[in-house]
Each structure stands twice: as C-alpha cells, then as structure tokens.
C-alpha cells in the first residue's frame, strides 16, 4: 500500500530530537509513528514512591541478572 506524503514544519530543536531517535533503517515517519503509538509511561510516575524496600530488592535482582547474563555471554 503506497501512501502519499505531506510536508510539515518543525523547529530545529524538534528535528534534532527526532534525529536522535531515528535509526539508520528508519524514516522520520517511522520515528514519529513509533512515538505517537508508544505507551504513555507518565501514568506510572510515582507509582512505587512508597515502596523503597521493594525497589531496593528489585534493583539487587536486576544487577544479579545482568551479572549472570554477562557470565553466560559467548564472544
């Protein structure tokens, strides 16, 4: 399916932001689409703010898992 194209105007700072997100194999349309369809994680902000102990345990487990992954890596 071939879609037409439109020209839009954006400021240089926004262009630079989009360029940082863009991979070599992506168009700017792909970048904008992925950002527009992305999950709104801002709704999760502060969700765990009262869970300091649990967050500490999660952080320790993540670090352990990362170390284990590197031990298993084959180069």
N, C-alpha and C. Protein backbone atom coordinates (compact mmCIF):
# COMPACT_ATOMS: atom_id res chain seq x y z
N UNK A 1 0.85 -1.17 0.00
CA UNK A 1 0.00 0.00 0.00
C UNK A 1 0.89 1.24 0.00
N UNK A 2 0.74 2.06 -0.97
CA UNK A 2 1.55 3.26 -1.09
C UNK A 2 0.77 4.45 -0.55
N UNK A 3 1.37 5.16 0.36
CA UNK A 3 0.72 6.32 0.93
C UNK A 3 1.37 7.58 0.37
N UNK A 4 0.59 8.62 0.27
CA UNK A 4 1.13 9.89 -0.16
C UNK A 4 1.96 10.50 0.94
N UNK A 5 2.49 11.66 0.68
CA UNK A 5 3.29 12.32 1.70
C UNK A 5 2.82 13.76 1.87
N UNK A 6 3.11 14.30 3.04
CA UNK A 6 2.79 15.68 3.37
C UNK A 6 4.04 16.34 3.90
N UNK A 7 4.13 17.62 3.73
CA UNK A 7 5.22 18.37 4.34
C UNK A 7 4.71 19.01 5.62
N UNK A 8 5.52 18.91 6.67
CA UNK A 8 5.17 19.58 7.91
C UNK A 8 6.35 20.47 8.32
N UNK A 9 6.06 21.45 9.12
CA UNK A 9 7.10 22.34 9.59
C UNK A 9 7.37 22.06 11.06
N UNK A 10 8.64 21.85 11.39
CA UNK A 10 9.03 21.65 12.78
C UNK A 10 10.24 22.54 13.06
N UNK A 11 10.43 22.87 14.31
CA UNK A 11 11.57 23.69 14.68
C UNK A 11 12.84 22.84 14.65
N UNK A 12 13.98 23.49 14.59
CA UNK A 12 15.26 22.77 14.52
C UNK A 12 15.50 21.91 15.75
N UNK A 13 15.09 22.38 16.93
CA UNK A 13 15.32 21.59 18.13
C UNK A 13 14.49 20.30 18.11
N UNK A 14 13.28 20.37 17.59
CA UNK A 14 12.45 19.16 17.46
C UNK A 14 13.05 18.22 16.42
N UNK A 15 13.55 18.77 15.33
CA UNK A 15 14.21 17.95 14.31
C UNK A 15 15.40 17.19 14.92
N UNK A 16 16.19 17.88 15.75
CA UNK A 16 17.34 17.24 16.38
C UNK A 16 16.90 16.12 17.33
N UNK A 17 15.80 16.35 18.04
CA UNK A 17 15.26 15.30 18.92
C UNK A 17 14.87 14.07 18.12
N UNK A 18 14.14 14.29 17.04
CA UNK A 18 13.70 13.17 16.20
C UNK A 18 14.90 12.45 15.59
N UNK A 19 15.89 13.20 15.19
CA UNK A 19 17.09 12.63 14.58
C UNK A 19 17.81 11.71 15.57
N UNK A 20 17.80 12.04 16.86
CA UNK A 20 18.43 11.19 17.87
C UNK A 20 17.68 9.87 18.03
N UNK A 21 16.37 9.88 17.83
CA UNK A 21 15.58 8.65 17.93
C UNK A 21 15.71 7.78 16.68
N UNK A 22 16.02 8.40 15.56
CA UNK A 22 15.99 7.72 14.27
C UNK A 22 17.17 6.75 14.11
N UNK A 23 16.84 5.52 13.71
CA UNK A 23 17.87 4.55 13.38
C UNK A 23 18.16 4.65 11.88
N UNK A 24 19.24 4.04 11.48
CA UNK A 24 19.67 4.06 10.08
C UNK A 24 18.60 3.52 9.13
N UNK A 25 17.88 2.48 9.57
CA UNK A 25 16.89 1.83 8.70
C UNK A 25 15.49 2.43 8.82
N UNK A 26 15.34 3.56 9.50
CA UNK A 26 14.03 4.17 9.70
C UNK A 26 13.90 5.48 8.93
N UNK A 27 12.68 5.78 8.57
CA UNK A 27 12.36 7.11 8.05
C UNK A 27 11.89 7.97 9.22
N UNK A 28 11.80 9.27 9.01
CA UNK A 28 11.26 10.13 10.05
C UNK A 28 9.80 9.79 10.32
N UNK A 29 9.08 9.37 9.30
CA UNK A 29 7.69 8.94 9.52
C UNK A 29 7.63 7.75 10.47
N UNK A 30 8.57 6.81 10.32
CA UNK A 30 8.62 5.66 11.23
C UNK A 30 8.86 6.11 12.67
N UNK A 31 9.76 7.06 12.85
CA UNK A 31 10.07 7.56 14.19
C UNK A 31 8.85 8.23 14.81
N UNK A 32 8.22 9.10 14.06
CA UNK A 32 7.04 9.81 14.57
C UNK A 32 5.92 8.83 14.89
N UNK A 33 5.72 7.83 14.02
CA UNK A 33 4.69 6.82 14.25
C UNK A 33 4.97 6.05 15.54
N UNK A 34 6.22 5.63 15.74
CA UNK A 34 6.52 4.85 16.94
C UNK A 34 6.37 5.69 18.20
N UNK A 35 6.68 6.97 18.13
CA UNK A 35 6.50 7.84 19.30
C UNK A 35 5.02 8.09 19.57
N UNK A 36 4.26 8.27 18.52
CA UNK A 36 2.83 8.55 18.67
C UNK A 36 2.07 7.33 19.18
N UNK A 37 2.51 6.14 18.79
CA UNK A 37 1.83 4.91 19.20
C UNK A 37 2.39 4.34 20.50
N UNK A 38 3.44 4.95 21.01
CA UNK A 38 4.09 4.44 22.22
C UNK A 38 3.19 4.47 23.43
N UNK A 39 3.57 3.72 24.42
CA UNK A 39 2.83 3.67 25.67
C UNK A 39 3.10 4.94 26.46
N UNK A 40 2.09 5.41 27.17
CA UNK A 40 2.23 6.60 27.99
C UNK A 40 2.69 6.19 29.38
N UNK A 41 4.01 6.13 29.58
CA UNK A 41 4.54 5.69 30.86
C UNK A 41 4.42 6.78 31.93
N UNK A 42 4.05 7.99 31.54
CA UNK A 42 3.91 9.05 32.53
C UNK A 42 2.82 8.73 33.55
N UNK A 43 1.89 7.86 33.17
CA UNK A 43 0.84 7.46 34.11
C UNK A 43 1.39 6.61 35.25
N UNK A 44 2.58 6.07 35.07
CA UNK A 44 3.21 5.24 36.09
C UNK A 44 4.09 6.05 37.04
N UNK A 45 4.31 7.32 36.73
CA UNK A 45 5.20 8.14 37.55
C UNK A 45 4.73 8.16 38.99
N UNK A 46 5.64 7.86 39.91
CA UNK A 46 5.34 7.91 41.33
C UNK A 46 4.61 6.69 41.87
N UNK A 47 4.31 5.75 41.02
CA UNK A 47 3.54 4.57 41.42
C UNK A 47 4.20 3.80 42.57
N UNK A 48 5.52 3.73 42.55
CA UNK A 48 6.24 2.96 43.56
C UNK A 48 6.96 3.84 44.57
N UNK A 49 6.58 5.10 44.67
CA UNK A 49 7.31 6.03 45.53
C UNK A 49 7.27 5.63 47.01
N UNK A 50 6.29 4.91 47.44
CA UNK A 50 6.21 4.49 48.83
C UNK A 50 6.76 3.09 49.06
N UNK A 51 7.50 2.57 48.11
CA UNK A 51 7.96 1.17 48.18
C UNK A 51 9.49 1.09 48.15
N UNK A 52 10.15 1.85 48.99
CA UNK A 52 11.62 1.92 48.98
C UNK A 52 12.26 0.54 49.17
N UNK A 53 11.75 -0.24 50.12
CA UNK A 53 12.33 -1.55 50.39
C UNK A 53 12.19 -2.48 49.17
N UNK A 54 11.01 -2.49 48.58
CA UNK A 54 10.77 -3.34 47.41
C UNK A 54 11.64 -2.90 46.23
N UNK A 55 11.79 -1.59 46.08
CA UNK A 55 12.63 -1.09 44.98
C UNK A 55 14.08 -1.51 45.16
N UNK A 56 14.56 -1.52 46.40
CA UNK A 56 15.91 -1.98 46.68
C UNK A 56 16.10 -3.43 46.29
N UNK A 57 15.10 -4.26 46.61
CA UNK A 57 15.15 -5.67 46.25
C UNK A 57 15.14 -5.87 44.73
N UNK A 58 14.31 -5.09 44.06
CA UNK A 58 14.24 -5.18 42.59
C UNK A 58 15.58 -4.78 41.99
N UNK A 59 16.16 -3.69 42.48
CA UNK A 59 17.45 -3.23 41.96
C UNK A 59 18.52 -4.31 42.13
N UNK A 60 18.58 -4.94 43.31
CA UNK A 60 19.55 -6.00 43.55
C UNK A 60 19.35 -7.16 42.58
N UNK A 61 18.10 -7.53 42.34
CA UNK A 61 17.80 -8.65 41.44
C UNK A 61 18.18 -8.31 40.00
N UNK A 62 17.94 -7.09 39.58
CA UNK A 62 18.31 -6.67 38.23
C UNK A 62 19.82 -6.73 38.06
N UNK A 63 20.56 -6.23 39.04
CA UNK A 63 22.03 -6.28 38.97
C UNK A 63 22.53 -7.71 38.93
N UNK A 64 21.91 -8.60 39.73
CA UNK A 64 22.30 -10.01 39.73
C UNK A 64 22.04 -10.64 38.36
N UNK A 65 20.89 -10.34 37.79
CA UNK A 65 20.53 -10.90 36.48
C UNK A 65 21.49 -10.40 35.40
N UNK A 66 21.86 -9.13 35.48
CA UNK A 66 22.81 -8.59 34.49
C UNK A 66 24.16 -9.27 34.58
N UNK A 67 24.65 -9.46 35.82
CA UNK A 67 25.94 -10.15 36.00
C UNK A 67 25.86 -11.57 35.46
N UNK A 68 24.76 -12.25 35.72
CA UNK A 68 24.60 -13.63 35.24
C UNK A 68 24.58 -13.66 33.71
N UNK A 69 23.91 -12.70 33.12
CA UNK A 69 23.84 -12.66 31.65
C UNK A 69 25.24 -12.51 31.06
N UNK A 70 26.07 -11.66 31.66
CA UNK A 70 27.43 -11.47 31.15
C UNK A 70 28.27 -12.72 31.33
N UNK A 71 28.03 -13.46 32.39
CA UNK A 71 28.79 -14.71 32.60
C UNK A 71 28.47 -15.71 31.51
N UNK A 72 27.23 -15.70 31.03
CA UNK A 72 26.79 -16.65 30.02
C UNK A 72 27.09 -16.21 28.59
N UNK A 73 27.52 -14.97 28.43
CA UNK A 73 27.76 -14.42 27.09
C UNK A 73 28.95 -15.13 26.43
N UNK A 74 28.80 -15.40 25.16
CA UNK A 74 29.87 -16.02 24.38
C UNK A 74 30.32 -15.03 23.31
N UNK A 75 31.60 -14.71 23.33
CA UNK A 75 32.14 -13.74 22.35
C UNK A 75 33.02 -14.43 21.35
